[in-house]
Amino acid sequence: MSYETLDIERQGAVATVWMNRPEVFNAFNEQLIDDLAAACGALEDDAGVRVVVLAGRGRHFSAGADLNWMQRASACTEAENLADARKFAAMLQALSGLPKPTIARVQGAALGGGTGLAAACDMVVAADNAQFSTSEVKFGIIPAVISPYVLRAIGPRHALRYFQTAEKFSAAEAKAIGLVSELVTLDELDAGVAKLVQSLLTGGPLAQQAAKELIAAISGRQIDAAVGEETALRIARQRAGAEAREGITAFLHKRPAAWQT
């Protein structure tokens, strides 16, 4: 598929989704939201894709919402704004819910919704020049749609600060509070992503999908008999599958598993 605001590069089992609006620092508008949603659907259906990397062309990952889009939204009715917000929410849910590992490759600005895009990915590799912010209150709005993903990454205590102050915070601070997984120099950004990708490609794809589903199902729940039973059912189902049999056999015979070849 071709997209107006995206370039998608394939290298083996890795698909890199490049936001391609460098002239506005990859700020997103209605078209970019539609394109990202469509790309997530296509990549989910592509069995040849094992890992998805989200990146931004140019000097910045994403400066957040396009100011022209925000201006249009401010003149819309509440019902029109609700329809717009639902599209954004659906896109973030599609990105977060991809049944394969996702990595945000972040350099420069990742502001507002750019922080949300990074948080919606499973992992973030950030250059040391990256800056993050939930800057919405500066414009009299709130980071509502991105909040589930940012809260998942940094927790409510840090969110209470950054959602209200709209401060920019560094990649080092983002790593300290849980948003960034790996912090590298700008020159090492692609190598840092590649290293993480290589680790991901050693895992069974169905097991990775099941691991994501496990986290979504168990996170935040009280540890009780019901949780214990659910985890037992999930591991039993996984162990009984062909992928587990292949993985264990490969380990015992000291050979790569089928998904690694």
C-alpha atoms as a PDB file:
ATOM      1  CA  MET A   1       0.000   0.000   0.000  1.00  0.00           C
ATOM      2  CA  SER A   2       1.059   3.602  -0.518  1.00  0.00           C
ATOM      3  CA  TYR A   3       0.354   6.401   1.923  1.00  0.00           C
ATOM      4  CA  GLU A   4       0.296  10.161   1.558  1.00  0.00           C
ATOM      5  CA  THR A   5       2.155  10.856   4.814  1.00  0.00           C
ATOM      6  CA  LEU A   6       4.126   7.638   5.401  1.00  0.00           C
ATOM      7  CA  ASP A   7       6.973   5.660   3.897  1.00  0.00           C
ATOM      8  CA  ILE A   8       7.214   1.994   4.838  1.00  0.00           C
ATOM      9  CA  GLU A   9      10.540   0.234   4.437  1.00  0.00           C
ATOM     10  CA  ARG A  10      10.909  -3.543   4.676  1.00  0.00           C
ATOM     11  CA  GLN A  11      14.155  -5.212   5.663  1.00  0.00           C
ATOM     12  CA  GLY A  12      13.559  -8.900   6.120  1.00  0.00           C
ATOM     13  CA  ALA A  13      10.982  -9.375   8.856  1.00  0.00           C
ATOM     14  CA  VAL A  14      11.236  -5.764  10.050  1.00  0.00           C
ATOM     15  CA  ALA A  15       8.925  -3.010   8.804  1.00  0.00           C
ATOM     16  CA  THR A  16       9.904   0.584   9.540  1.00  0.00           C
ATOM     17  CA  VAL A  17       7.013   3.043   9.331  1.00  0.00           C
ATOM     18  CA  TRP A  18       8.456   6.486   8.605  1.00  0.00           C
ATOM     19  CA  MET A  19       6.242   9.470   9.319  1.00  0.00           C
ATOM     20  CA  ASN A  20       7.117  11.637   6.328  1.00  0.00           C
ATOM     21  CA  ARG A  21       6.161  15.233   7.077  1.00  0.00           C
ATOM     22  CA  PRO A  22       9.608  16.615   7.978  1.00  0.00           C
ATOM     23  CA  GLU A  23       8.661  20.121   6.884  1.00  0.00           C
ATOM     24  CA  VAL A  24       6.313  20.328   9.908  1.00  0.00           C
ATOM     25  CA  PHE A  25       8.437  18.079  12.160  1.00  0.00           C
ATOM     26  CA  ASN A  26       6.066  15.148  11.516  1.00  0.00           C
ATOM     27  CA  ALA A  27       3.208  16.905  13.260  1.00  0.00           C
ATOM     28  CA  PHE A  28       0.074  14.891  12.668  1.00  0.00           C
ATOM     29  CA  ASN A  29      -3.207  15.852  11.114  1.00  0.00           C
ATOM     30  CA  GLU A  30      -6.249  13.951   9.931  1.00  0.00           C
ATOM     31  CA  GLN A  31      -4.339  12.366   7.042  1.00  0.00           C
ATOM     32  CA  LEU A  32      -1.420  11.122   9.134  1.00  0.00           C
ATOM     33  CA  ILE A  33      -3.839   9.640  11.664  1.00  0.00           C
ATOM     34  CA  ASP A  34      -5.763   7.858   8.879  1.00  0.00           C
ATOM     35  CA  ASP A  35      -2.523   6.622   7.287  1.00  0.00           C
ATOM     36  CA  LEU A  36      -1.109   5.289  10.557  1.00  0.00           C
ATOM     37  CA  ALA A  37      -4.362   3.467  11.317  1.00  0.00           C
ATOM     38  CA  ALA A  38      -4.391   1.895   7.847  1.00  0.00           C
ATOM     39  CA  ALA A  39      -0.709   0.943   8.082  1.00  0.00           C
ATOM     40  CA  CYS A  40      -1.250  -0.758  11.435  1.00  0.00           C
ATOM     41  CA  GLY A  41      -4.048  -2.827   9.923  1.00  0.00           C
ATOM     42  CA  ALA A  42      -1.927  -3.823   6.928  1.00  0.00           C
ATOM     43  CA  LEU A  43       1.090  -4.723   9.076  1.00  0.00           C
ATOM     44  CA  GLU A  44      -1.033  -6.773  11.456  1.00  0.00           C
ATOM     45  CA  ASP A  45      -2.265  -8.839   8.516  1.00  0.00           C
ATOM     46  CA  ASP A  46       1.229  -9.282   7.008  1.00  0.00           C
ATOM     47  CA  ALA A  47       2.569 -12.590   8.328  1.00  0.00           C
ATOM     48  CA  GLY A  48       6.026 -11.753   7.006  1.00  0.00           C
ATOM     49  CA  VAL A  49       6.409  -8.831   9.415  1.00  0.00           C
ATOM     50  CA  ARG A  50       7.801  -9.773  12.824  1.00  0.00           C
ATOM     51  CA  VAL A  51       8.756  -6.354  14.235  1.00  0.00           C
ATOM     52  CA  VAL A  52       7.384  -2.856  13.542  1.00  0.00           C
ATOM     53  CA  VAL A  53       9.516   0.260  14.047  1.00  0.00           C
ATOM     54  CA  LEU A  54       7.840   3.691  14.146  1.00  0.00           C
ATOM     55  CA  ALA A  55      10.138   6.546  13.115  1.00  0.00           C
ATOM     56  CA  GLY A  56      10.081  10.140  11.879  1.00  0.00           C
ATOM     57  CA  ARG A  57      11.883  11.579   8.876  1.00  0.00           C
ATOM     58  CA  GLY A  58      14.121  14.571   9.439  1.00  0.00           C
ATOM     59  CA  ARG A  59      15.365  16.056  12.691  1.00  0.00           C
ATOM     60  CA  HIS A  60      12.341  15.240  14.828  1.00  0.00           C
ATOM     61  CA  PHE A  61      10.210  12.210  15.665  1.00  0.00           C
ATOM     62  CA  SER A  62       6.946  14.153  15.957  1.00  0.00           C
ATOM     63  CA  ALA A  63       6.133  17.623  17.229  1.00  0.00           C
ATOM     64  CA  GLY A  64       2.603  16.523  18.088  1.00  0.00           C
ATOM     65  CA  ALA A  65      -0.578  17.929  16.596  1.00  0.00           C
ATOM     66  CA  ASP A  66      -0.401  20.093  13.491  1.00  0.00           C
ATOM     67  CA  LEU A  67      -1.315  23.654  14.489  1.00  0.00           C
ATOM     68  CA  ASN A  68      -3.562  24.046  11.437  1.00  0.00           C
ATOM     69  CA  TRP A  69      -5.420  20.910  12.486  1.00  0.00           C
ATOM     70  CA  MET A  70      -5.758  22.235  16.046  1.00  0.00           C
ATOM     71  CA  GLN A  71      -7.067  25.545  14.725  1.00  0.00           C
ATOM     72  CA  ARG A  72      -9.678  23.760  12.649  1.00  0.00           C
ATOM     73  CA  ALA A  73     -10.651  21.631  15.653  1.00  0.00           C
ATOM     74  CA  SER A  74     -11.101  24.679  17.879  1.00  0.00           C
ATOM     75  CA  ALA A  75     -13.734  26.003  15.472  1.00  0.00           C
ATOM     76  CA  CYS A  76     -15.620  22.693  15.340  1.00  0.00           C
ATOM     77  CA  THR A  77     -18.594  21.617  17.406  1.00  0.00           C
ATOM     78  CA  GLU A  78     -18.211  19.219  20.320  1.00  0.00           C
ATOM     79  CA  ALA A  79     -19.714  16.431  18.181  1.00  0.00           C
ATOM     80  CA  GLU A  80     -17.202  17.069  15.390  1.00  0.00           C
ATOM     81  CA  ASN A  81     -14.345  17.134  17.911  1.00  0.00           C
ATOM     82  CA  LEU A  82     -15.585  13.851  19.370  1.00  0.00           C
ATOM     83  CA  ALA A  83     -15.494  12.176  15.942  1.00  0.00           C
ATOM     84  CA  ASP A  84     -11.968  13.518  15.396  1.00  0.00           C
ATOM     85  CA  ALA A  85     -10.782  12.327  18.821  1.00  0.00           C
ATOM     86  CA  ARG A  86     -12.290   8.883  18.267  1.00  0.00           C
ATOM     87  CA  LYS A  87     -10.205   8.475  15.103  1.00  0.00           C
ATOM     88  CA  PHE A  88      -7.055   9.418  16.992  1.00  0.00           C
ATOM     89  CA  ALA A  89      -7.956   7.034  19.830  1.00  0.00           C
ATOM     90  CA  ALA A  90      -8.625   4.193  17.383  1.00  0.00           C
ATOM     91  CA  MET A  91      -5.254   4.745  15.699  1.00  0.00           C
ATOM     92  CA  LEU A  92      -3.366   4.660  19.005  1.00  0.00           C
ATOM     93  CA  GLN A  93      -5.270   1.530  20.020  1.00  0.00           C
ATOM     94  CA  ALA A  94      -4.358  -0.122  16.704  1.00  0.00           C
ATOM     95  CA  LEU A  95      -0.686   0.758  17.238  1.00  0.00           C
ATOM     96  CA  SER A  96      -0.648  -0.396  20.853  1.00  0.00           C
ATOM     97  CA  GLY A  97      -2.640  -3.519  20.040  1.00  0.00           C
ATOM     98  CA  LEU A  98      -0.474  -4.770  17.184  1.00  0.00           C
ATOM     99  CA  PRO A  99       0.131  -8.477  17.901  1.00  0.00           C
ATOM    100  CA  LYS A 100       3.877  -8.070  17.223  1.00  0.00           C
ATOM    101  CA  PRO A 101       6.612  -6.112  18.958  1.00  0.00           C
ATOM    102  CA  THR A 102       6.713  -2.369  18.254  1.00  0.00           C
ATOM    103  CA  ILE A 103       9.624   0.026  18.762  1.00  0.00           C
ATOM    104  CA  ALA A 104       9.525   3.824  18.623  1.00  0.00           C
ATOM    105  CA  ARG A 105      12.741   5.276  17.181  1.00  0.00           C
ATOM    106  CA  VAL A 106      12.853   8.765  18.688  1.00  0.00           C
ATOM    107  CA  GLN A 107      15.100  11.702  17.900  1.00  0.00           C
ATOM    108  CA  GLY A 108      14.554  15.403  18.530  1.00  0.00           C
ATOM    109  CA  ALA A 109      11.060  16.472  19.507  1.00  0.00           C
ATOM    110  CA  ALA A 110       8.423  13.990  20.651  1.00  0.00           C
ATOM    111  CA  LEU A 111       5.869  16.443  21.984  1.00  0.00           C
ATOM    112  CA  GLY A 112       2.213  16.096  22.917  1.00  0.00           C
ATOM    113  CA  GLY A 113       0.813  13.406  20.678  1.00  0.00           C
ATOM    114  CA  GLY A 114       4.401  12.566  19.715  1.00  0.00           C
ATOM    115  CA  THR A 115       4.949  11.464  23.305  1.00  0.00           C
ATOM    116  CA  GLY A 116       1.699   9.521  22.991  1.00  0.00           C
ATOM    117  CA  LEU A 117       2.867   7.722  19.855  1.00  0.00           C
ATOM    118  CA  ALA A 118       6.106   6.725  21.593  1.00  0.00           C
ATOM    119  CA  ALA A 119       4.216   5.519  24.667  1.00  0.00           C
ATOM    120  CA  ALA A 120       1.805   3.469  22.557  1.00  0.00           C
ATOM    121  CA  CYS A 121       4.740   1.421  21.255  1.00  0.00           C
ATOM    122  CA  ASP A 122       6.046  -1.496  23.306  1.00  0.00           C
ATOM    123  CA  MET A 123       9.571  -0.060  23.520  1.00  0.00           C
ATOM    124  CA  VAL A 124      11.290   3.266  22.892  1.00  0.00           C
ATOM    125  CA  VAL A 125      14.857   3.707  21.707  1.00  0.00           C
ATOM    126  CA  ALA A 126      15.681   7.397  22.097  1.00  0.00           C
ATOM    127  CA  ALA A 127      18.617   9.525  21.033  1.00  0.00           C
ATOM    128  CA  ASP A 128      20.153  11.715  23.702  1.00  0.00           C
ATOM    129  CA  ASN A 129      18.807  14.816  21.944  1.00  0.00           C
ATOM    130  CA  ALA A 130      15.187  13.653  22.290  1.00  0.00           C
ATOM    131  CA  GLN A 131      12.746  15.781  24.253  1.00  0.00           C
ATOM    132  CA  PHE A 132       9.307  14.781  25.436  1.00  0.00           C
ATOM    133  CA  SER A 133       6.325  16.740  26.724  1.00  0.00           C
ATOM    134  CA  THR A 134       2.625  16.398  27.393  1.00  0.00           C
ATOM    135  CA  SER A 135       2.192  20.021  26.440  1.00  0.00           C
ATOM    136  CA  GLU A 136      -1.568  20.136  25.906  1.00  0.00           C
ATOM    137  CA  VAL A 137      -2.477  22.360  28.876  1.00  0.00           C
ATOM    138  CA  LYS A 138      -0.462  25.175  27.267  1.00  0.00           C
ATOM    139  CA  PHE A 139      -3.185  25.248  24.621  1.00  0.00           C
ATOM    140  CA  GLY A 140      -6.064  24.948  27.076  1.00  0.00           C
ATOM    141  CA  ILE A 141      -6.649  21.270  26.326  1.00  0.00           C
ATOM    142  CA  ILE A 142      -5.674  17.979  27.986  1.00  0.00           C
ATOM    143  CA  PRO A 143      -3.673  14.885  26.896  1.00  0.00           C
ATOM    144  CA  ALA A 144      -6.799  12.770  27.139  1.00  0.00           C
ATOM    145  CA  VAL A 145      -6.484  10.367  24.217  1.00  0.00           C
ATOM    146  CA  ILE A 146      -2.792   9.642  24.817  1.00  0.00           C
ATOM    147  CA  SER A 147      -3.237   9.334  28.591  1.00  0.00           C
ATOM    148  CA  PRO A 148      -3.761   5.528  28.818  1.00  0.00           C
ATOM    149  CA  TYR A 149      -0.434   4.911  27.087  1.00  0.00           C
ATOM    150  CA  VAL A 150       1.570   7.605  28.866  1.00  0.00           C
ATOM    151  CA  LEU A 151       0.145   6.512  32.245  1.00  0.00           C
ATOM    152  CA  ARG A 152       1.060   2.908  31.451  1.00  0.00           C
ATOM    153  CA  ALA A 153       4.622   4.038  30.763  1.00  0.00           C
ATOM    154  CA  ILE A 154       5.319   6.566  33.540  1.00  0.00           C
ATOM    155  CA  GLY A 155       2.631   5.969  36.167  1.00  0.00           C
ATOM    156  CA  PRO A 156       0.169   8.417  37.736  1.00  0.00           C
ATOM    157  CA  ARG A 157       2.652  10.218  40.001  1.00  0.00           C
ATOM    158  CA  HIS A 158       4.868  11.440  37.147  1.00  0.00           C
ATOM    159  CA  ALA A 159       1.781  12.085  35.017  1.00  0.00           C
ATOM    160  CA  LEU A 160       0.368  14.387  37.690  1.00  0.00           C
ATOM    161  CA  ARG A 161       3.415  16.577  37.226  1.00  0.00           C
ATOM    162  CA  TYR A 162       3.923  16.522  33.486  1.00  0.00           C
ATOM    163  CA  PHE A 163       0.249  16.623  32.475  1.00  0.00           C
ATOM    164  CA  GLN A 164      -0.115  19.858  34.478  1.00  0.00           C
ATOM    165  CA  THR A 165       3.231  21.611  34.017  1.00  0.00           C
ATOM    166  CA  ALA A 166       3.628  20.832  30.294  1.00  0.00           C
ATOM    167  CA  GLU A 167       7.387  20.874  30.929  1.00  0.00           C
ATOM    168  CA  LYS A 168       9.720  19.404  28.379  1.00  0.00           C
ATOM    169  CA  PHE A 169      11.787  16.575  29.793  1.00  0.00           C
ATOM    170  CA  SER A 170      14.950  15.012  28.448  1.00  0.00           C
ATOM    171  CA  ALA A 171      15.530  11.534  27.098  1.00  0.00           C
ATOM    172  CA  ALA A 172      17.519  10.775  30.260  1.00  0.00           C
ATOM    173  CA  GLU A 173      14.562  11.787  32.434  1.00  0.00           C
ATOM    174  CA  ALA A 174      12.211   9.823  30.171  1.00  0.00           C
ATOM    175  CA  LYS A 175      14.346   6.736  30.735  1.00  0.00           C
ATOM    176  CA  ALA A 176      14.415   7.310  34.491  1.00  0.00           C
ATOM    177  CA  ILE A 177      10.608   7.441  34.708  1.00  0.00           C
ATOM    178  CA  GLY A 178       9.970   4.490  32.388  1.00  0.00           C
ATOM    179  CA  LEU A 179       9.019   5.978  29.031  1.00  0.00           C
ATOM    180  CA  VAL A 180      12.328   5.235  27.269  1.00  0.00           C
ATOM    181  CA  SER A 181      13.708   1.689  27.126  1.00  0.00           C
ATOM    182  CA  GLU A 182      17.139   2.407  25.637  1.00  0.00           C
ATOM    183  CA  LEU A 183      19.054   5.704  25.571  1.00  0.00           C
ATOM    184  CA  VAL A 184      21.787   6.125  22.950  1.00  0.00           C
ATOM    185  CA  THR A 185      23.639   8.909  21.177  1.00  0.00           C
ATOM    186  CA  LEU A 186      22.087  10.256  17.993  1.00  0.00           C
ATOM    187  CA  ASP A 187      24.799   8.553  15.931  1.00  0.00           C
ATOM    188  CA  GLU A 188      23.973   5.221  17.603  1.00  0.00           C
ATOM    189  CA  LEU A 189      20.196   5.449  17.175  1.00  0.00           C
ATOM    190  CA  ASP A 190      19.852   2.996  14.300  1.00  0.00           C
ATOM    191  CA  ALA A 191      22.333   0.602  15.894  1.00  0.00           C
ATOM    192  CA  GLY A 192      20.358   0.753  19.142  1.00  0.00           C
ATOM    193  CA  VAL A 193      17.141  -0.107  17.323  1.00  0.00           C
ATOM    194  CA  ALA A 194      18.873  -2.912  15.401  1.00  0.00           C
ATOM    195  CA  LYS A 195      20.209  -4.458  18.606  1.00  0.00           C
ATOM    196  CA  LEU A 196      16.742  -4.571  20.130  1.00  0.00           C
ATOM    197  CA  VAL A 197      15.294  -5.956  16.904  1.00  0.00           C
ATOM    198  CA  GLN A 198      17.817  -8.812  16.910  1.00  0.00           C
ATOM    199  CA  SER A 199      16.773  -9.772  20.434  1.00  0.00           C
ATOM    200  CA  LEU A 200      13.109  -9.708  19.421  1.00  0.00           C
ATOM    201  CA  LEU A 201      13.664 -11.946  16.409  1.00  0.00           C
ATOM    202  CA  THR A 202      14.908 -14.750  18.671  1.00  0.00           C
ATOM    203  CA  GLY A 203      11.473 -15.103  20.275  1.00  0.00           C
ATOM    204  CA  GLY A 204       8.557 -17.114  18.954  1.00  0.00           C
ATOM    205  CA  PRO A 205       6.058 -14.774  17.256  1.00  0.00           C
ATOM    206  CA  LEU A 206       3.006 -16.488  18.740  1.00  0.00           C
ATOM    207  CA  ALA A 207       4.625 -16.447  22.174  1.00  0.00           C
ATOM    208  CA  GLN A 208       5.325 -12.732  21.827  1.00  0.00           C
ATOM    209  CA  GLN A 209       1.722 -12.093  20.876  1.00  0.00           C
ATOM    210  CA  ALA A 210       0.579 -14.187  23.845  1.00  0.00           C
ATOM    211  CA  ALA A 211       2.975 -12.268  26.122  1.00  0.00           C
ATOM    212  CA  LYS A 212       1.429  -8.949  25.065  1.00  0.00           C
ATOM    213  CA  GLU A 213      -2.049 -10.340  25.658  1.00  0.00           C
ATOM    214  CA  LEU A 214      -0.948 -11.657  29.067  1.00  0.00           C
ATOM    215  CA  ILE A 215       0.281  -8.248  30.187  1.00  0.00           C
ATOM    216  CA  ALA A 216      -2.944  -6.576  29.055  1.00  0.00           C
ATOM    217  CA  ALA A 217      -5.036  -9.183  30.877  1.00  0.00           C
ATOM    218  CA  ILE A 218      -3.096  -9.248  34.165  1.00  0.00           C
ATOM    219  CA  SER A 219      -1.779  -5.706  34.625  1.00  0.00           C
ATOM    220  CA  GLY A 220      -3.372  -3.895  37.555  1.00  0.00           C
ATOM    221  CA  ARG A 221      -5.350  -6.880  38.813  1.00  0.00           C
ATOM    222  CA  GLN A 222      -5.252  -8.161  42.347  1.00  0.00           C
ATOM    223  CA  ILE A 223      -3.168 -11.316  42.748  1.00  0.00           C
ATOM    224  CA  ASP A 224      -5.816 -13.856  43.704  1.00  0.00           C
ATOM    225  CA  ALA A 225      -7.061 -17.307  42.773  1.00  0.00           C
ATOM    226  CA  ALA A 226      -8.726 -16.026  39.607  1.00  0.00           C
ATOM    227  CA  VAL A 227      -5.476 -14.502  38.361  1.00  0.00           C
ATOM    228  CA  GLY A 228      -3.598 -17.671  39.267  1.00  0.00           C
ATOM    229  CA  GLU A 229      -6.075 -19.766  37.311  1.00  0.00           C
ATOM    230  CA  GLU A 230      -5.908 -17.466  34.296  1.00  0.00           C
ATOM    231  CA  THR A 231      -2.108 -17.567  34.188  1.00  0.00           C
ATOM    232  CA  ALA A 232      -2.164 -21.373  34.504  1.00  0.00           C
ATOM    233  CA  LEU A 233      -4.606 -21.644  31.596  1.00  0.00           C
ATOM    234  CA  ARG A 234      -2.513 -19.326  29.454  1.00  0.00           C
ATOM    235  CA  ILE A 235       0.772 -21.197  29.966  1.00  0.00           C
ATOM    236  CA  ALA A 236      -0.941 -24.575  29.479  1.00  0.00           C
ATOM    237  CA  ARG A 237      -2.420 -23.411  26.192  1.00  0.00           C
ATOM    238  CA  GLN A 238       0.941 -22.051  25.053  1.00  0.00           C
ATOM    239  CA  ARG A 239       2.893 -25.175  26.043  1.00  0.00           C
ATOM    240  CA  ALA A 240       0.498 -27.383  24.094  1.00  0.00           C
ATOM    241  CA  GLY A 241       1.086 -25.460  20.857  1.00  0.00           C
ATOM    242  CA  ALA A 242       3.371 -26.330  17.945  1.00  0.00           C
ATOM    243  CA  GLU A 243       5.532 -23.258  18.484  1.00  0.00           C
ATOM    244  CA  ALA A 244       6.415 -24.330  22.022  1.00  0.00           C
ATOM    245  CA  ARG A 245       7.228 -27.837  20.869  1.00  0.00           C
ATOM    246  CA  GLU A 246       9.521 -26.426  18.194  1.00  0.00           C
ATOM    247  CA  GLY A 247      11.195 -24.021  20.616  1.00  0.00           C
ATOM    248  CA  ILE A 248      11.915 -26.690  23.225  1.00  0.00           C
ATOM    249  CA  THR A 249      13.091 -29.197  20.613  1.00  0.00           C
ATOM    250  CA  ALA A 250      15.403 -26.613  19.046  1.00  0.00           C
ATOM    251  CA  PHE A 251      16.888 -25.774  22.442  1.00  0.00           C
ATOM    252  CA  LEU A 252      17.499 -29.446  23.307  1.00  0.00           C
ATOM    253  CA  HIS A 253      19.108 -30.093  19.929  1.00  0.00           C
ATOM    254  CA  LYS A 254      21.167 -26.886  20.130  1.00  0.00           C
ATOM    255  CA  ARG A 255      19.871 -25.477  16.877  1.00  0.00           C
ATOM    256  CA  PRO A 256      18.010 -22.276  15.975  1.00  0.00           C
ATOM    257  CA  ALA A 257      14.243 -22.456  16.182  1.00  0.00           C
ATOM    258  CA  ALA A 258      12.347 -22.399  12.890  1.00  0.00           C
ATOM    259  CA  TRP A 259      11.305 -18.752  13.304  1.00  0.00           C
ATOM    260  CA  GLN A 260      14.968 -17.702  13.548  1.00  0.00           C
ATOM    261  CA  THR A 261      15.921 -19.084  10.139  1.00  0.00           C
END
